[in-house]
Amino acid sequence: MASPSVLNAIIVDDEPLARQELLYLLEGADGVQVVAQGTNGIEAVELIRSHQPDLVFLDVQMPGLDGFAVIKKLRDSAVRMPQVVFATAFDRYAVRAFDVNAIDYLLKPFDRARVLMTIERARTRTAAPADAPSHSEAKLDALLRLFEEQVQIPRPAPSTGKVVVRTQNRLLLVDQREICFASIDEGAITVVTPTVEGQSNCRTLEELTDQLDPETFWRAHRSFLVNIQHIREVVPWFKSTYQLRMDDPRKTEVPVSRSQTKRLRELFNL
C-alpha cells in the first residue's frame, strides 16, 4: 500500500502524445504515482470509481464525455471527488473561468514548473482539514454552472483591428490578417508578415493573442503563434511530429508541439 505522502494519480487524455508528455513529467516528480491512464470521458468515470485516486489530470476536450461532463457525471453519482486538474490547449475564455473559480489547470504544451506547482497545491489540499474537500467541490460546481451558462452566451466578437509593430524607429499599424506568425525569444516578441518584420509591444504571446482573432490564430508551440491562413505546407517530422512551413519570404518552419498535434489534425483533416 502506498505511503500516505504519495499521491495516487490518473491521467485522462484522448491524445497519446499528451499523455506521454504528462506521464514523463509526473514520473520525474517526487511523491506521485500514476495508477492508471484513460483515453476518454467514459474511461475516466470508471477509472475514478475503481481506483479512487487522490488526483486526476483531466483533458477538457475529448470525444463523447468532455472533462466537464465527467465531473458532472461523478457529482451526480455521488462518487468521492479527487483533486481535479484540468488540461487544456490555450483558450483564454476557459483559462479565465478557471482562474476566477480558483480551479487548477495545465496549459498544453505542459510546463514542468507548473506541473510541480500543481502537485504541491494538491498535496496541501489533501492534507487540509476535513471541510476543505467540500469547499473544492463547491468551486467545481460553480465552474460547471458557469460553462453551462456560457453555452447560451455568445463570446465577444473577434478582433479585426490592427497590431502595432515596431521596426527600426517606426511604429507600424499592421492588419492582423497580414501576420504570418509571431514568436517569442528571450522575452522579445517578433511579428512577421510578407513585407514587415518587427517587434511587438506585448510582453507575452498570451497578451498578443488577446488582440487577435481566435478563429485564425493558433498557438502551435509554446514559442510560436501562427496565422493558419498563412501556412503553406505541413511537413511530417521525427517521431510523428510536424513542422509548419509558412508563406513568409524566408519560408520559416515552425515546430508543432506534441500536445498540439491533435489540433493540427482537426484543422486540416490529416
Protein backbone atom coordinates (compact mmCIF):
# COMPACT_ATOMS: atom_id res chain seq x y z
CA MET A 1 0.00 0.00 0.00
CA ALA A 2 1.27 3.46 -0.93
CA SER A 3 2.73 5.74 1.69
CA PRO A 4 0.31 8.46 2.87
CA SER A 5 2.69 11.04 1.39
CA VAL A 6 2.28 9.57 -2.10
CA LEU A 7 -0.49 10.98 -4.29
CA ASN A 8 -2.15 8.37 -6.49
CA ALA A 9 -2.93 9.97 -9.83
CA ILE A 10 -4.84 9.20 -13.04
CA ILE A 11 -4.22 10.79 -16.44
CA VAL A 12 -7.11 11.05 -18.91
CA ASP A 13 -6.48 12.45 -22.38
CA ASP A 14 -7.50 11.21 -25.83
CA GLU A 15 -4.18 12.34 -27.32
CA PRO A 16 -1.40 9.73 -26.76
CA LEU A 17 1.43 12.25 -27.06
CA ALA A 18 -0.14 14.50 -24.41
CA ARG A 19 -0.49 11.50 -22.04
CA GLN A 20 3.12 10.52 -22.63
CA GLU A 21 4.38 14.05 -22.02
CA LEU A 22 2.45 14.42 -18.76
CA LEU A 23 3.42 10.91 -17.58
CA TYR A 24 7.08 11.76 -18.17
CA LEU A 25 6.79 14.93 -16.07
CA LEU A 26 4.91 13.18 -13.26
CA GLU A 27 7.42 10.33 -13.14
CA GLY A 28 10.11 12.94 -12.53
CA ALA A 29 8.21 14.43 -9.58
CA ASP A 30 8.51 13.19 -6.01
CA GLY A 31 5.56 11.60 -4.28
CA VAL A 32 3.28 10.97 -7.27
CA GLN A 33 2.28 7.54 -8.56
CA VAL A 34 0.29 7.26 -11.79
CA VAL A 35 -2.01 4.29 -11.17
CA ALA A 36 -3.99 4.39 -14.43
CA GLN A 37 -4.46 6.18 -17.74
CA GLY A 38 -7.63 6.73 -19.77
CA THR A 39 -8.35 7.90 -23.29
CA ASN A 40 -11.89 9.28 -23.00
CA GLY A 41 -14.55 10.50 -20.60
CA ILE A 42 -16.27 7.13 -20.18
CA GLU A 43 -12.99 5.53 -19.12
CA ALA A 44 -12.32 8.48 -16.80
CA VAL A 45 -15.52 7.85 -14.84
CA GLU A 46 -14.81 4.13 -14.50
CA LEU A 47 -11.16 4.62 -13.54
CA ILE A 48 -12.02 7.20 -10.89
CA ARG A 49 -14.70 4.92 -9.45
CA SER A 50 -12.41 1.89 -9.31
CA HIS A 51 -9.12 3.48 -8.23
CA GLN A 52 -10.43 6.37 -6.07
CA PRO A 53 -7.30 8.43 -6.82
CA ASP A 54 -6.12 11.48 -4.92
CA LEU A 55 -5.52 13.44 -8.12
CA VAL A 56 -6.88 13.38 -11.69
CA PHE A 57 -5.36 15.17 -14.67
CA LEU A 58 -8.36 15.57 -16.97
CA ASP A 59 -8.36 16.78 -20.56
CA VAL A 60 -11.08 19.35 -21.22
CA GLN A 61 -11.80 18.48 -24.87
CA MET A 62 -12.46 14.79 -25.52
CA PRO A 63 -14.95 13.00 -27.80
CA GLY A 64 -18.11 11.80 -26.07
CA LEU A 65 -17.88 12.98 -22.48
CA ASP A 66 -15.62 16.01 -22.20
CA GLY A 67 -13.83 16.93 -18.98
CA PHE A 68 -16.75 18.95 -17.60
CA ALA A 69 -19.25 16.20 -18.40
CA VAL A 70 -17.03 13.75 -16.50
CA ILE A 71 -17.16 15.96 -13.39
CA LYS A 72 -20.92 16.37 -13.69
CA LYS A 73 -21.43 12.60 -14.01
CA LEU A 74 -19.26 11.94 -10.95
CA ARG A 75 -21.10 14.61 -8.94
CA ASP A 76 -24.49 13.20 -9.95
CA SER A 77 -23.47 9.67 -8.92
CA ALA A 78 -22.07 10.78 -5.53
CA VAL A 79 -18.58 9.39 -6.22
CA ARG A 80 -15.87 10.67 -3.87
CA MET A 81 -14.26 13.51 -5.79
CA PRO A 82 -10.47 13.53 -6.19
CA GLN A 83 -8.46 16.69 -6.67
CA VAL A 84 -9.06 17.66 -10.31
CA VAL A 85 -6.54 19.36 -12.58
CA PHE A 86 -7.89 20.29 -16.00
CA ALA A 87 -5.57 20.13 -19.00
CA THR A 88 -6.34 22.36 -21.97
CA ALA A 89 -4.82 23.80 -25.10
CA PHE A 90 -4.81 27.58 -24.82
CA ASP A 91 -8.30 29.06 -24.70
CA ARG A 92 -8.34 32.39 -22.95
CA TYR A 93 -12.04 32.10 -22.08
CA ALA A 94 -11.60 28.73 -20.37
CA VAL A 95 -8.45 29.86 -18.56
CA ARG A 96 -10.17 32.96 -17.19
CA ALA A 97 -13.02 30.77 -15.93
CA PHE A 98 -10.52 28.50 -14.17
CA ASP A 99 -8.76 31.48 -12.62
CA VAL A 100 -12.00 33.06 -11.39
CA ASN A 101 -13.04 29.83 -9.70
CA ALA A 102 -9.53 29.02 -8.37
CA ILE A 103 -9.53 25.70 -10.24
CA ASP A 104 -6.17 24.15 -11.10
CA TYR A 105 -5.35 23.77 -14.78
CA LEU A 106 -2.39 22.99 -17.01
CA LEU A 107 -1.87 24.55 -20.41
CA LYS A 108 -0.63 22.45 -23.29
CA PRO A 109 2.24 22.15 -24.04
CA PHE A 110 2.90 21.25 -20.41
CA ASP A 111 5.42 23.20 -18.39
CA ARG A 112 7.44 21.26 -15.79
CA ALA A 113 7.45 24.07 -13.21
CA ARG A 114 3.68 24.46 -13.49
CA VAL A 115 3.15 20.69 -13.11
CA LEU A 116 5.28 20.62 -9.95
CA MET A 117 3.44 23.62 -8.51
CA THR A 118 0.09 21.93 -9.22
CA ILE A 119 1.22 18.78 -7.43
CA GLU A 120 2.21 20.77 -4.34
CA ARG A 121 -1.15 22.52 -4.30
CA ALA A 122 -2.92 19.18 -4.49
CA ARG A 123 -0.75 17.81 -1.68
CA THR A 124 -1.59 20.81 0.51
CA ARG A 125 -5.32 20.43 -0.10
CA THR A 126 -5.18 16.69 0.56
CA ALA A 127 -3.63 17.36 3.96
CA ALA A 128 -6.11 20.16 4.75
CA PRO A 129 -8.92 19.89 7.36
CA ALA A 130 -11.98 17.79 6.63
CA ASP A 131 -14.12 20.72 5.43
CA ALA A 132 -11.65 21.62 2.65
CA PRO A 133 -12.84 18.96 0.15
CA SER A 134 -16.41 20.29 0.28
CA HIS A 135 -15.05 23.76 -0.47
CA SER A 136 -13.19 22.37 -3.51
CA GLU A 137 -16.33 20.62 -4.71
CA ALA A 138 -18.30 23.86 -4.36
CA LYS A 139 -15.78 25.54 -6.67
CA LEU A 140 -16.18 22.73 -9.19
CA ASP A 141 -19.96 23.12 -9.05
CA ALA A 142 -19.60 26.86 -9.67
CA LEU A 143 -17.35 26.20 -12.65
CA LEU A 144 -19.81 23.71 -14.15
CA ARG A 145 -22.64 26.22 -13.82
CA LEU A 146 -20.52 28.89 -15.49
CA PHE A 147 -19.78 26.71 -18.50
CA GLU A 148 -23.39 25.58 -18.80
CA GLU A 149 -24.42 29.25 -18.89
CA GLN A 150 -21.64 30.08 -21.35
CA VAL A 151 -23.16 27.76 -23.94
CA GLN A 152 -26.03 30.23 -24.27
CA ILE A 153 -23.92 33.41 -24.05
CA PRO A 154 -22.17 34.49 -27.27
CA ARG A 155 -18.48 35.19 -26.93
CA PRO A 156 -17.17 38.64 -27.77
CA ALA A 157 -16.74 39.24 -31.49
CA PRO A 158 -13.17 38.52 -32.62
CA SER A 159 -10.90 41.46 -33.11
CA THR A 160 -10.39 42.54 -36.71
CA GLY A 161 -8.19 45.53 -35.95
CA LYS A 162 -4.56 46.31 -36.40
CA VAL A 163 -1.48 45.44 -34.35
CA VAL A 164 1.40 47.78 -33.53
CA VAL A 165 4.76 46.52 -34.83
CA ARG A 166 7.98 48.36 -34.02
CA THR A 167 10.62 48.26 -36.74
CA GLN A 168 13.74 50.42 -36.58
CA ASN A 169 12.42 53.78 -35.34
CA ARG A 170 8.91 53.39 -36.75
CA LEU A 171 5.65 52.17 -35.24
CA LEU A 172 3.65 50.45 -37.97
CA LEU A 173 -0.03 49.51 -37.78
CA VAL A 174 -0.26 46.04 -39.32
CA ASP A 175 -3.54 44.44 -40.37
CA GLN A 176 -3.70 41.22 -38.36
CA ARG A 177 -4.75 39.29 -41.48
CA GLU A 178 -1.28 40.00 -42.89
CA ILE A 179 0.55 38.49 -39.92
CA CYS A 180 2.16 35.15 -40.85
CA PHE A 181 3.31 34.27 -37.36
CA ALA A 182 4.71 35.67 -34.13
CA SER A 183 7.46 34.16 -32.00
CA ILE A 184 8.98 34.82 -28.61
CA ASP A 185 12.67 34.50 -27.75
CA GLU A 186 14.26 35.71 -24.51
CA GLY A 187 11.16 37.79 -23.74
CA ALA A 188 11.06 39.61 -27.09
CA ILE A 189 8.13 39.01 -29.44
CA THR A 190 8.80 39.16 -33.19
CA VAL A 191 5.90 39.64 -35.62
CA VAL A 192 6.43 38.53 -39.23
CA THR A 193 4.34 39.49 -42.30
CA PRO A 194 5.14 39.04 -46.02
CA THR A 195 6.60 42.58 -46.09
CA VAL A 196 7.44 43.52 -42.48
CA GLU A 197 9.35 42.01 -39.58
CA GLY A 198 9.44 43.82 -36.26
CA GLN A 199 8.84 43.71 -32.52
CA SER A 200 5.54 43.73 -30.67
CA ASN A 201 4.99 45.87 -27.58
CA CYS A 202 3.24 42.93 -25.91
CA ARG A 203 5.08 41.23 -23.06
CA THR A 204 3.78 37.71 -23.72
CA LEU A 205 2.27 35.73 -26.57
CA GLU A 206 -0.89 35.40 -24.47
CA GLU A 207 -1.20 39.19 -24.40
CA LEU A 208 -0.74 39.36 -28.18
CA THR A 209 -3.28 36.54 -28.66
CA ASP A 210 -5.90 38.61 -26.85
CA GLN A 211 -5.65 41.19 -29.66
CA LEU A 212 -6.14 38.64 -32.45
CA ASP A 213 -8.94 36.58 -33.98
CA PRO A 214 -9.00 33.22 -32.12
CA GLU A 215 -10.52 31.54 -35.19
CA THR A 216 -7.50 32.49 -37.29
CA PHE A 217 -4.52 32.40 -34.92
CA TRP A 218 -3.29 29.19 -33.32
CA ARG A 219 -0.67 28.61 -30.61
CA ALA A 220 1.11 25.77 -32.41
CA HIS A 221 4.03 25.79 -29.98
CA ARG A 222 4.90 27.44 -26.70
CA SER A 223 7.11 29.90 -28.61
CA PHE A 224 5.03 30.37 -31.77
CA LEU A 225 1.63 31.80 -32.65
CA VAL A 226 0.66 31.18 -36.28
CA ASN A 227 -1.97 32.50 -38.68
CA ILE A 228 -3.50 29.33 -40.16
CA GLN A 229 -4.26 31.23 -43.39
CA HIS A 230 -0.51 31.68 -43.93
CA ILE A 231 0.52 28.04 -43.51
CA ARG A 232 1.99 26.97 -46.85
CA GLU A 233 2.81 23.34 -46.05
CA VAL A 234 2.56 20.76 -43.26
CA VAL A 235 5.87 18.89 -43.06
CA PRO A 236 5.99 15.45 -41.33
CA TRP A 237 8.90 15.40 -38.89
CA PHE A 238 10.54 12.94 -36.48
CA LYS A 239 8.54 10.61 -34.19
CA SER A 240 5.09 11.52 -35.54
CA THR A 241 5.63 15.26 -35.09
CA TYR A 242 5.18 18.02 -37.66
CA GLN A 243 6.53 21.38 -38.75
CA LEU A 244 4.61 24.15 -40.49
CA ARG A 245 6.23 25.87 -43.45
CA MET A 246 4.88 29.42 -43.50
CA ASP A 247 4.44 31.66 -46.57
CA ASP A 248 6.71 34.46 -45.35
CA PRO A 249 9.69 35.32 -47.61
CA ARG A 250 12.03 33.05 -45.60
CA LYS A 251 9.54 30.14 -45.69
CA THR A 252 10.06 29.79 -41.95
CA GLU A 253 9.48 26.32 -40.47
CA VAL A 254 7.52 26.43 -37.21
CA PRO A 255 7.51 23.38 -34.91
CA VAL A 256 4.21 21.93 -33.74
CA SER A 257 4.36 20.79 -30.12
CA ARG A 258 3.30 17.21 -29.49
CA SER A 259 0.30 18.29 -27.46
CA GLN A 260 -0.95 20.38 -30.43
CA THR A 261 -0.79 17.51 -32.94
CA LYS A 262 -4.47 16.72 -32.34
CA ARG A 263 -5.44 20.32 -33.12
CA LEU A 264 -3.33 20.21 -36.32
CA ARG A 265 -5.17 17.10 -37.49
CA GLU A 266 -8.52 18.71 -36.76
CA LEU A 267 -7.61 21.86 -38.68
CA PHE A 268 -6.53 20.09 -41.86
CA ASN A 269 -8.28 16.70 -41.61
CA LEU A 270 -4.95 14.86 -41.51
